[in-house]
Amino acid sequence: MQRELQLRIISGIVLAVIALLATWAGGNAFRLLAVVIALLVYSEWSTITRLSERDFQGNAFGWLSQVVLAALVMMGETSWTLPVLGTFVVLSVGWVLLRKASWWLCGGIVYAGLTGISLAAIRDDAHIGLIAMVFVFAVVWATDILAYFVGRAIGGPKLAPRISPGKTWSGAIGGAVFGVVAGVAVYMAEFSTVDIRIPLLALFLSVSSQIGDLFESFIKRRFGAKDSGKIIPGHGGVMDRVDGLVFASFAALFVALVTILAQGAQGQLVGAALLGL
């Protein structure tokens, strides 16, 4: 257990450095990171759910959807990504209904596709995108790390014993508290002030992150998989490492789009809308 924890810490630090360097660089460097994560997520999703075994043609269509979306993300065509994703989802639903195929195909297209889209949209090419992405990272990482240590230190009632027996309510609450603190700290470091919306946003992203963790645990338990893959020492697969980040990014993109629509601010950057600027 001690060796596994050491591997987790070392791998986590390396991955965090890579993510932060790409985030700092922005532009194509971060878009490439977002695309690589999305493609690896789809690869692990299709492997866990056995899509290639159950429906080879459907899985090939799923890969086509991810390659097209990856190309759009790399070209910076953010206004096209969600409509194209929606088109692929509709087509996949039609395929599933006609061929009585697996609904996990549709789920994989949405899950992996939105991963790349949301990450790239949050970071964008402006300085505020850098702050917004670091804000999301801070909330997710603080939630993940402190939920683990607080849960082990305090213990208590299980959060979702049938899905993830190791998670406790104390860990979930502790992770959320520290996630809010981390998010507020990042915001205040840039803007020197904060309103009630920011800690509420951080809490929403923290809870979303923990839901994402439980969602991935549910999928693995559903298909009898211990890890989503073996690419990351001490962590397993990419999905094992980014499950919380994925759902937090989904939630952040949702908040930003709702804000943009409510304000009628067409063309506003996602990062700025997310942080209420």
Protein backbone atom coordinates (compact mmCIF):
# COMPACT_ATOMS: atom_id res chain seq x y z
CA MET A 1 0.00 0.00 0.00
CA GLN A 2 2.86 2.35 0.86
CA ARG A 3 4.51 1.74 -2.53
CA GLU A 4 1.20 2.28 -4.31
CA LEU A 5 0.72 5.59 -2.52
CA GLN A 6 4.23 6.66 -3.51
CA LEU A 7 3.51 5.80 -7.14
CA ARG A 8 0.26 7.76 -6.98
CA ILE A 9 2.02 10.81 -5.56
CA ILE A 10 4.87 10.74 -8.09
CA SER A 11 2.53 10.14 -11.04
CA GLY A 12 0.17 12.84 -9.77
CA ILE A 13 2.98 15.39 -9.53
CA VAL A 14 4.27 14.58 -13.04
CA LEU A 15 0.78 14.82 -14.52
CA ALA A 16 0.08 18.06 -12.66
CA VAL A 17 3.30 19.61 -14.00
CA ILE A 18 2.43 18.59 -17.57
CA ALA A 19 -1.11 19.94 -17.20
CA LEU A 20 0.04 23.24 -15.69
CA LEU A 21 2.75 23.78 -18.32
CA ALA A 22 0.24 23.16 -21.11
CA THR A 23 -2.26 25.43 -19.37
CA TRP A 24 0.32 28.19 -19.04
CA ALA A 25 1.28 27.87 -22.71
CA GLY A 26 -2.33 27.80 -23.85
CA GLY A 27 -3.16 27.76 -27.56
CA ASN A 28 -2.24 24.61 -29.46
CA ALA A 29 -0.31 23.17 -26.52
CA PHE A 30 -3.40 23.03 -24.33
CA ARG A 31 -5.69 22.04 -27.19
CA LEU A 32 -3.37 19.11 -27.84
CA LEU A 33 -3.56 18.12 -24.18
CA ALA A 34 -7.37 18.32 -24.28
CA VAL A 35 -7.51 16.24 -27.46
CA VAL A 36 -5.13 13.56 -26.16
CA ILE A 37 -7.15 13.25 -22.95
CA ALA A 38 -10.42 12.97 -24.90
CA LEU A 39 -9.09 10.30 -27.27
CA LEU A 40 -7.61 8.26 -24.42
CA VAL A 41 -10.87 8.57 -22.51
CA TYR A 42 -12.82 7.19 -25.48
CA SER A 43 -10.29 4.39 -25.90
CA GLU A 44 -10.67 3.34 -22.26
CA TRP A 45 -14.45 3.79 -22.32
CA SER A 46 -14.81 1.55 -25.39
CA THR A 47 -12.50 -1.04 -23.84
CA ILE A 48 -14.30 -1.16 -20.48
CA THR A 49 -17.75 -1.34 -22.08
CA ARG A 50 -16.50 -3.84 -24.70
CA LEU A 51 -17.86 -1.77 -27.57
CA SER A 52 -15.39 -3.18 -30.10
CA GLU A 53 -16.51 -6.71 -29.22
CA ARG A 54 -20.23 -5.98 -29.18
CA ASP A 55 -20.47 -3.55 -32.09
CA PHE A 56 -17.31 -3.10 -34.17
CA GLN A 57 -18.97 -0.82 -36.74
CA GLY A 58 -20.62 1.30 -34.07
CA ASN A 59 -17.32 1.64 -32.24
CA ALA A 60 -15.64 2.69 -35.50
CA PHE A 61 -18.29 5.42 -35.80
CA GLY A 62 -17.51 6.44 -32.23
CA TRP A 63 -13.84 6.77 -33.11
CA LEU A 64 -14.76 8.81 -36.20
CA SER A 65 -16.75 11.21 -34.02
CA GLN A 66 -13.79 11.71 -31.67
CA VAL A 67 -11.31 12.25 -34.50
CA VAL A 68 -13.56 14.88 -36.12
CA LEU A 69 -14.13 16.64 -32.81
CA ALA A 70 -10.40 16.50 -32.06
CA ALA A 71 -9.66 18.14 -35.42
CA LEU A 72 -12.17 20.93 -34.73
CA VAL A 73 -10.72 21.53 -31.27
CA MET A 74 -7.17 21.71 -32.65
CA MET A 75 -8.31 24.22 -35.29
CA GLY A 76 -9.93 26.34 -32.58
CA GLU A 77 -13.39 25.99 -34.13
CA THR A 78 -15.16 26.22 -30.77
CA SER A 79 -18.46 27.43 -32.23
CA TRP A 80 -18.79 24.22 -34.25
CA THR A 81 -17.85 21.63 -31.67
CA LEU A 82 -21.11 21.36 -29.73
CA PRO A 83 -23.36 21.27 -32.85
CA VAL A 84 -21.11 18.62 -34.42
CA LEU A 85 -21.12 16.61 -31.19
CA GLY A 86 -24.91 16.86 -31.11
CA THR A 87 -25.09 15.57 -34.68
CA PHE A 88 -22.90 12.58 -33.87
CA VAL A 89 -25.01 11.82 -30.79
CA VAL A 90 -28.24 11.89 -32.81
CA LEU A 91 -26.72 9.61 -35.44
CA SER A 92 -25.45 7.22 -32.76
CA VAL A 93 -28.91 7.08 -31.18
CA GLY A 94 -30.35 6.20 -34.59
CA TRP A 95 -27.71 3.48 -35.01
CA VAL A 96 -28.47 2.01 -31.60
CA LEU A 97 -32.22 1.98 -32.25
CA LEU A 98 -31.91 0.46 -35.74
CA ARG A 99 -29.29 -2.13 -34.88
CA LYS A 100 -30.34 -2.72 -31.27
CA ALA A 101 -26.75 -1.93 -30.36
CA SER A 102 -25.26 -0.82 -27.04
CA TRP A 103 -26.29 2.52 -25.56
CA TRP A 104 -22.78 2.75 -24.18
CA LEU A 105 -21.76 3.92 -27.65
CA CYS A 106 -23.84 7.10 -27.26
CA GLY A 107 -22.53 7.57 -23.74
CA GLY A 108 -18.92 7.25 -24.86
CA ILE A 109 -19.36 9.79 -27.66
CA VAL A 110 -20.86 12.31 -25.25
CA TYR A 111 -18.44 11.64 -22.38
CA ALA A 112 -15.22 11.74 -24.42
CA GLY A 113 -16.41 14.40 -26.85
CA LEU A 114 -17.46 16.81 -24.13
CA THR A 115 -14.18 16.20 -22.33
CA GLY A 116 -12.07 17.73 -25.08
CA ILE A 117 -14.61 20.43 -25.90
CA SER A 118 -15.08 21.66 -22.34
CA LEU A 119 -11.39 21.71 -21.46
CA ALA A 120 -10.45 23.62 -24.62
CA ALA A 121 -13.36 26.06 -24.23
CA ILE A 122 -12.50 26.90 -20.63
CA ARG A 123 -8.83 27.58 -21.37
CA ASP A 124 -9.34 29.45 -24.71
CA ASP A 125 -6.56 31.84 -25.78
CA ALA A 126 -7.02 34.71 -23.33
CA HIS A 127 -5.42 35.35 -19.96
CA ILE A 128 -8.78 34.97 -18.26
CA GLY A 129 -8.96 31.45 -19.72
CA LEU A 130 -5.72 30.64 -17.91
CA ILE A 131 -7.21 31.82 -14.60
CA ALA A 132 -10.46 29.93 -15.23
CA MET A 133 -8.64 26.68 -16.01
CA VAL A 134 -6.35 26.99 -12.98
CA PHE A 135 -9.47 27.71 -10.89
CA VAL A 136 -11.04 24.44 -12.08
CA PHE A 137 -7.81 22.51 -11.52
CA ALA A 138 -7.43 23.92 -8.00
CA VAL A 139 -10.98 22.96 -7.00
CA VAL A 140 -10.73 19.45 -8.47
CA TRP A 141 -7.27 18.63 -7.15
CA ALA A 142 -7.95 19.99 -3.67
CA THR A 143 -11.22 18.06 -3.55
CA ASP A 144 -9.60 14.83 -4.70
CA ILE A 145 -6.55 14.99 -2.44
CA LEU A 146 -8.24 16.21 0.72
CA ALA A 147 -11.23 13.90 0.32
CA TYR A 148 -8.78 10.99 0.37
CA PHE A 149 -6.83 12.12 3.42
CA VAL A 150 -9.80 13.46 5.41
CA GLY A 151 -11.74 10.29 4.70
CA ARG A 152 -8.87 8.11 5.90
CA ALA A 153 -8.29 10.26 8.99
CA ILE A 154 -11.91 10.56 10.13
CA GLY A 155 -13.70 7.63 8.50
CA GLY A 156 -17.38 7.27 9.32
CA PRO A 157 -20.43 6.44 7.21
CA LYS A 158 -19.83 5.38 3.62
CA LEU A 159 -20.85 7.77 0.85
CA ALA A 160 -21.90 5.18 -1.74
CA PRO A 161 -20.90 1.70 -0.51
CA ARG A 162 -22.37 -0.16 -3.50
CA ILE A 163 -20.43 1.97 -5.98
CA SER A 164 -17.22 2.94 -4.20
CA PRO A 165 -16.83 1.31 -0.76
CA GLY A 166 -13.79 3.39 0.18
CA LYS A 167 -15.46 6.80 0.00
CA THR A 168 -16.96 8.35 3.14
CA TRP A 169 -19.19 11.32 3.88
CA SER A 170 -16.41 12.86 5.95
CA GLY A 171 -14.07 12.66 2.96
CA ALA A 172 -16.69 14.12 0.63
CA ILE A 173 -17.42 17.05 2.94
CA GLY A 174 -13.74 17.63 3.70
CA GLY A 175 -12.90 17.56 0.01
CA ALA A 176 -15.67 20.04 -0.78
CA VAL A 177 -14.53 22.43 1.94
CA PHE A 178 -10.93 22.43 0.75
CA GLY A 179 -12.06 22.60 -2.88
CA VAL A 180 -13.91 25.84 -2.10
CA VAL A 181 -10.89 27.21 -0.22
CA ALA A 182 -8.58 26.40 -3.14
CA GLY A 183 -10.91 27.96 -5.70
CA VAL A 184 -11.36 31.15 -3.69
CA ALA A 185 -7.58 31.37 -3.15
CA VAL A 186 -6.92 31.20 -6.90
CA TYR A 187 -9.57 33.83 -7.62
CA MET A 188 -8.33 36.21 -4.93
CA ALA A 189 -4.72 35.79 -6.05
CA GLU A 190 -5.73 37.28 -9.40
CA PHE A 191 -8.47 39.74 -8.49
CA SER A 192 -7.79 40.54 -4.79
CA THR A 193 -11.50 40.40 -4.01
CA VAL A 194 -14.31 37.87 -4.12
CA ASP A 195 -18.10 37.77 -4.00
CA ILE A 196 -20.45 35.03 -2.84
CA ARG A 197 -20.76 33.66 -6.38
CA ILE A 198 -17.19 32.35 -6.44
CA PRO A 199 -17.33 30.04 -3.38
CA LEU A 200 -20.74 28.81 -4.58
CA LEU A 201 -19.23 28.11 -8.00
CA ALA A 202 -16.30 26.31 -6.39
CA LEU A 203 -18.70 24.21 -4.30
CA PHE A 204 -20.72 23.30 -7.40
CA LEU A 205 -17.58 22.23 -9.26
CA SER A 206 -16.32 20.29 -6.22
CA VAL A 207 -19.57 18.36 -5.91
CA SER A 208 -19.59 17.77 -9.68
CA SER A 209 -16.04 16.46 -9.42
CA GLN A 210 -17.04 13.93 -6.77
CA ILE A 211 -20.05 12.87 -8.81
CA GLY A 212 -17.70 12.27 -11.73
CA ASP A 213 -15.54 10.09 -9.52
CA LEU A 214 -18.56 8.05 -8.47
CA PHE A 215 -19.78 7.82 -12.07
CA GLU A 216 -16.51 6.29 -13.23
CA SER A 217 -16.54 3.91 -10.26
CA PHE A 218 -20.07 2.86 -11.27
CA ILE A 219 -18.96 2.08 -14.82
CA LYS A 220 -15.98 0.01 -13.65
CA ARG A 221 -18.13 -1.90 -11.16
CA ARG A 222 -20.80 -2.42 -13.81
CA PHE A 223 -18.29 -4.14 -16.10
CA GLY A 224 -16.09 -5.72 -13.44
CA ALA A 225 -13.01 -3.60 -14.15
CA LYS A 226 -10.57 -2.66 -11.39
CA ASP A 227 -9.00 0.22 -13.35
CA SER A 228 -9.88 1.94 -16.60
CA GLY A 229 -6.39 1.16 -17.95
CA LYS A 230 -2.74 0.74 -17.02
CA ILE A 231 -1.12 3.79 -18.61
CA ILE A 232 -0.52 5.75 -15.38
CA PRO A 233 1.54 4.07 -12.61
CA GLY A 234 -0.35 4.00 -9.32
CA HIS A 235 -3.53 5.38 -10.86
CA GLY A 236 -4.49 2.97 -13.62
CA GLY A 237 -5.94 4.63 -16.68
CA VAL A 238 -6.60 8.18 -17.81
CA MET A 239 -10.25 7.96 -16.78
CA ASP A 240 -9.13 6.99 -13.29
CA ARG A 241 -7.12 10.19 -13.10
CA VAL A 242 -9.44 12.69 -14.83
CA ASP A 243 -12.90 11.44 -13.82
CA GLY A 244 -13.44 14.33 -11.41
CA LEU A 245 -11.90 16.89 -13.77
CA VAL A 246 -14.16 15.73 -16.59
CA PHE A 247 -17.41 16.27 -14.69
CA ALA A 248 -16.15 19.54 -13.18
CA SER A 249 -15.30 20.77 -16.68
CA PHE A 250 -18.76 19.74 -17.89
CA ALA A 251 -20.28 21.70 -15.01
CA ALA A 252 -18.04 24.72 -15.68
CA LEU A 253 -18.98 24.76 -19.36
CA PHE A 254 -22.67 24.49 -18.43
CA VAL A 255 -22.43 27.42 -16.01
CA ALA A 256 -20.59 29.52 -18.59
CA LEU A 257 -23.08 28.78 -21.40
CA VAL A 258 -26.07 29.52 -19.16
CA THR A 259 -24.43 32.81 -18.14
CA ILE A 260 -23.75 33.75 -21.76
CA LEU A 261 -27.31 32.94 -22.82
CA ALA A 262 -28.82 34.78 -19.84
CA GLN A 263 -26.77 37.89 -20.55
CA GLY A 264 -27.15 37.67 -24.30
CA ALA A 265 -23.38 38.12 -24.54
CA GLN A 266 -22.71 36.28 -27.79
CA GLY A 267 -19.02 35.81 -28.45
CA GLN A 268 -18.06 36.09 -24.78
CA LEU A 269 -15.25 33.76 -23.78
CA VAL A 270 -16.22 30.76 -21.66
CA GLY A 271 -13.57 31.53 -19.04
CA ALA A 272 -14.83 35.06 -18.53
CA ALA A 273 -18.45 33.93 -18.31
CA LEU A 274 -17.51 31.19 -15.83
CA LEU A 275 -15.85 33.63 -13.44
CA GLY A 276 -18.58 36.24 -13.87
CA LEU A 277 -16.37 38.82 -15.61
